[in-house]
Amino acid sequence: MSLIDVLGSTPRLKIIRELSHGPRYVSELTEAVGMDGKTAAHHLSTLEEADLVEHYHRGNRKYYRLVRTVELHVVPPPERTFILQANERVDTPPSQD
């Protein structure tokens, strides 16, 4: 799936927006974005396959965090440039909140 397909989903953008504030465990994330666990799991899986998020465990909780930044540059005519790119992976240890 292309990056544009991955980011062309409102639910996935909501998840990314929520994760931009820091790691979230699954229940906290689903409540914040207003979706059920099964739907969230589907979208989180897609985001993991695109290498935009990853999960880790702390105790019995599963947390998700962003691991890449995404940039969108759009230039109006006459250039009509449209660039969507995921930047290098950010390998930082999980937050110790």
C-alpha atoms as a PDB file:
ATOM      1  CA  MET A   1       0.000   0.000   0.000  1.00  0.00           C
ATOM      2  CA  SER A   2       1.395   3.405  -0.933  1.00  0.00           C
ATOM      3  CA  LEU A   3       1.984   6.140   1.592  1.00  0.00           C
ATOM      4  CA  ILE A   4      -0.787   8.203   0.011  1.00  0.00           C
ATOM      5  CA  ASP A   5      -3.201   5.278   0.501  1.00  0.00           C
ATOM      6  CA  VAL A   6      -2.115   4.839   4.113  1.00  0.00           C
ATOM      7  CA  LEU A   7      -2.547   8.538   4.895  1.00  0.00           C
ATOM      8  CA  GLY A   8      -5.726   8.886   2.828  1.00  0.00           C
ATOM      9  CA  SER A   9      -7.767   7.482   5.701  1.00  0.00           C
ATOM     10  CA  THR A  10      -9.380   9.813   8.231  1.00  0.00           C
ATOM     11  CA  PRO A  11      -9.239   7.207  11.038  1.00  0.00           C
ATOM     12  CA  ARG A  12      -5.514   6.646  10.458  1.00  0.00           C
ATOM     13  CA  LEU A  13      -4.881  10.395  10.456  1.00  0.00           C
ATOM     14  CA  LYS A  14      -6.732  10.653  13.777  1.00  0.00           C
ATOM     15  CA  ILE A  15      -4.492   7.930  15.202  1.00  0.00           C
ATOM     16  CA  ILE A  16      -1.361   9.664  13.923  1.00  0.00           C
ATOM     17  CA  ARG A  17      -2.527  12.989  15.365  1.00  0.00           C
ATOM     18  CA  GLU A  18      -3.114  11.369  18.757  1.00  0.00           C
ATOM     19  CA  LEU A  19       0.265   9.596  18.687  1.00  0.00           C
ATOM     20  CA  SER A  20       1.997  12.868  17.814  1.00  0.00           C
ATOM     21  CA  HIS A  21       1.417  13.822  21.461  1.00  0.00           C
ATOM     22  CA  GLY A  22       3.295  10.744  22.663  1.00  0.00           C
ATOM     23  CA  PRO A  23       2.874   6.987  23.047  1.00  0.00           C
ATOM     24  CA  ARG A  24      -0.604   5.707  23.923  1.00  0.00           C
ATOM     25  CA  TYR A  25      -1.786   2.322  25.095  1.00  0.00           C
ATOM     26  CA  VAL A  26      -4.509   0.719  22.999  1.00  0.00           C
ATOM     27  CA  SER A  27      -7.535   1.461  25.227  1.00  0.00           C
ATOM     28  CA  GLU A  28      -6.453   5.064  25.702  1.00  0.00           C
ATOM     29  CA  LEU A  29      -5.910   5.462  21.968  1.00  0.00           C
ATOM     30  CA  THR A  30      -9.240   3.937  20.920  1.00  0.00           C
ATOM     31  CA  GLU A  31     -11.110   6.165  23.356  1.00  0.00           C
ATOM     32  CA  ALA A  32      -9.262   9.287  22.197  1.00  0.00           C
ATOM     33  CA  VAL A  33     -10.014   8.680  18.513  1.00  0.00           C
ATOM     34  CA  GLY A  34     -13.524   7.321  19.060  1.00  0.00           C
ATOM     35  CA  MET A  35     -13.319   3.862  17.517  1.00  0.00           C
ATOM     36  CA  ASP A  36     -13.714   0.293  18.695  1.00  0.00           C
ATOM     37  CA  GLY A  37     -10.734  -1.956  19.357  1.00  0.00           C
ATOM     38  CA  LYS A  38     -11.137  -4.113  16.244  1.00  0.00           C
ATOM     39  CA  THR A  39     -11.245  -1.097  13.928  1.00  0.00           C
ATOM     40  CA  ALA A  40      -8.293   0.527  15.684  1.00  0.00           C
ATOM     41  CA  ALA A  41      -6.303  -2.723  15.441  1.00  0.00           C
ATOM     42  CA  HIS A  42      -6.874  -2.796  11.679  1.00  0.00           C
ATOM     43  CA  HIS A  43      -5.674   0.798  11.226  1.00  0.00           C
ATOM     44  CA  LEU A  44      -2.734   0.365  13.601  1.00  0.00           C
ATOM     45  CA  SER A  45      -1.667  -2.724  11.671  1.00  0.00           C
ATOM     46  CA  THR A  46      -1.716  -0.734   8.427  1.00  0.00           C
ATOM     47  CA  LEU A  47       0.345   2.034  10.024  1.00  0.00           C
ATOM     48  CA  GLU A  48       2.846  -0.545  11.325  1.00  0.00           C
ATOM     49  CA  GLU A  49       3.147  -2.134   7.875  1.00  0.00           C
ATOM     50  CA  ALA A  50       3.918   1.342   6.488  1.00  0.00           C
ATOM     51  CA  ASP A  51       6.630   1.651   9.179  1.00  0.00           C
ATOM     52  CA  LEU A  52       5.055   4.809  10.619  1.00  0.00           C
ATOM     53  CA  VAL A  53       4.258   3.401  14.075  1.00  0.00           C
ATOM     54  CA  GLU A  54       5.453   0.548  16.238  1.00  0.00           C
ATOM     55  CA  HIS A  55       4.244  -1.086  19.412  1.00  0.00           C
ATOM     56  CA  TYR A  56       5.905  -2.184  22.617  1.00  0.00           C
ATOM     57  CA  HIS A  57       4.684  -3.735  25.844  1.00  0.00           C
ATOM     58  CA  ARG A  58       4.919  -2.345  29.324  1.00  0.00           C
ATOM     59  CA  GLY A  59       3.416  -4.754  31.823  1.00  0.00           C
ATOM     60  CA  ASN A  60       0.168  -6.051  30.366  1.00  0.00           C
ATOM     61  CA  ARG A  61      -0.401  -2.938  28.233  1.00  0.00           C
ATOM     62  CA  LYS A  62       0.407  -2.611  24.554  1.00  0.00           C
ATOM     63  CA  TYR A  63       1.598   0.882  23.602  1.00  0.00           C
ATOM     64  CA  TYR A  64       1.936   2.463  20.164  1.00  0.00           C
ATOM     65  CA  ARG A  65       4.244   5.296  19.169  1.00  0.00           C
ATOM     66  CA  LEU A  66       5.232   7.166  16.022  1.00  0.00           C
ATOM     67  CA  VAL A  67       8.621   6.259  14.588  1.00  0.00           C
ATOM     68  CA  ARG A  68       8.703   8.399  11.418  1.00  0.00           C
ATOM     69  CA  THR A  69       7.722  11.874  10.393  1.00  0.00           C
ATOM     70  CA  VAL A  70       5.754  12.566   7.239  1.00  0.00           C
ATOM     71  CA  GLU A  71       5.995  15.712   5.151  1.00  0.00           C
ATOM     72  CA  LEU A  72       3.572  16.980   2.539  1.00  0.00           C
ATOM     73  CA  HIS A  73       4.545  19.787   0.174  1.00  0.00           C
ATOM     74  CA  VAL A  74       1.999  21.107  -2.306  1.00  0.00           C
ATOM     75  CA  VAL A  75       2.740  23.947  -4.701  1.00  0.00           C
ATOM     76  CA  PRO A  76      -0.051  25.538  -6.759  1.00  0.00           C
ATOM     77  CA  PRO A  77       0.109  26.029 -10.526  1.00  0.00           C
ATOM     78  CA  PRO A  78       2.051  26.631 -12.614  1.00  0.00           C
ATOM     79  CA  GLU A  79       4.552  24.293 -10.868  1.00  0.00           C
ATOM     80  CA  ARG A  80       1.859  21.895  -9.557  1.00  0.00           C
ATOM     81  CA  THR A  81       4.256  20.070  -7.313  1.00  0.00           C
ATOM     82  CA  PHE A  82       2.978  17.447  -4.886  1.00  0.00           C
ATOM     83  CA  ILE A  83       5.490  15.651  -2.671  1.00  0.00           C
ATOM     84  CA  LEU A  84       4.600  13.245   0.116  1.00  0.00           C
ATOM     85  CA  GLN A  85       7.492  11.585   1.892  1.00  0.00           C
ATOM     86  CA  ALA A  86       8.178   9.680   5.063  1.00  0.00           C
ATOM     87  CA  ASN A  87      11.433  10.759   6.651  1.00  0.00           C
ATOM     88  CA  GLU A  88      14.057   8.522   8.165  1.00  0.00           C
ATOM     89  CA  ARG A  89      13.010   6.307  11.009  1.00  0.00           C
ATOM     90  CA  VAL A  90      13.385   7.839  14.463  1.00  0.00           C
ATOM     91  CA  ASP A  91      14.781   5.173  16.768  1.00  0.00           C
ATOM     92  CA  THR A  92      14.129   6.478  20.237  1.00  0.00           C
ATOM     93  CA  PRO A  93      13.461   4.345  23.268  1.00  0.00           C
ATOM     94  CA  PRO A  94       9.843   4.100  24.462  1.00  0.00           C
ATOM     95  CA  SER A  95       8.715   6.943  26.703  1.00  0.00           C
ATOM     96  CA  GLN A  96       9.053   6.324  30.437  1.00  0.00           C
ATOM     97  CA  ASP A  97       5.880   8.320  31.399  1.00  0.00           C
END
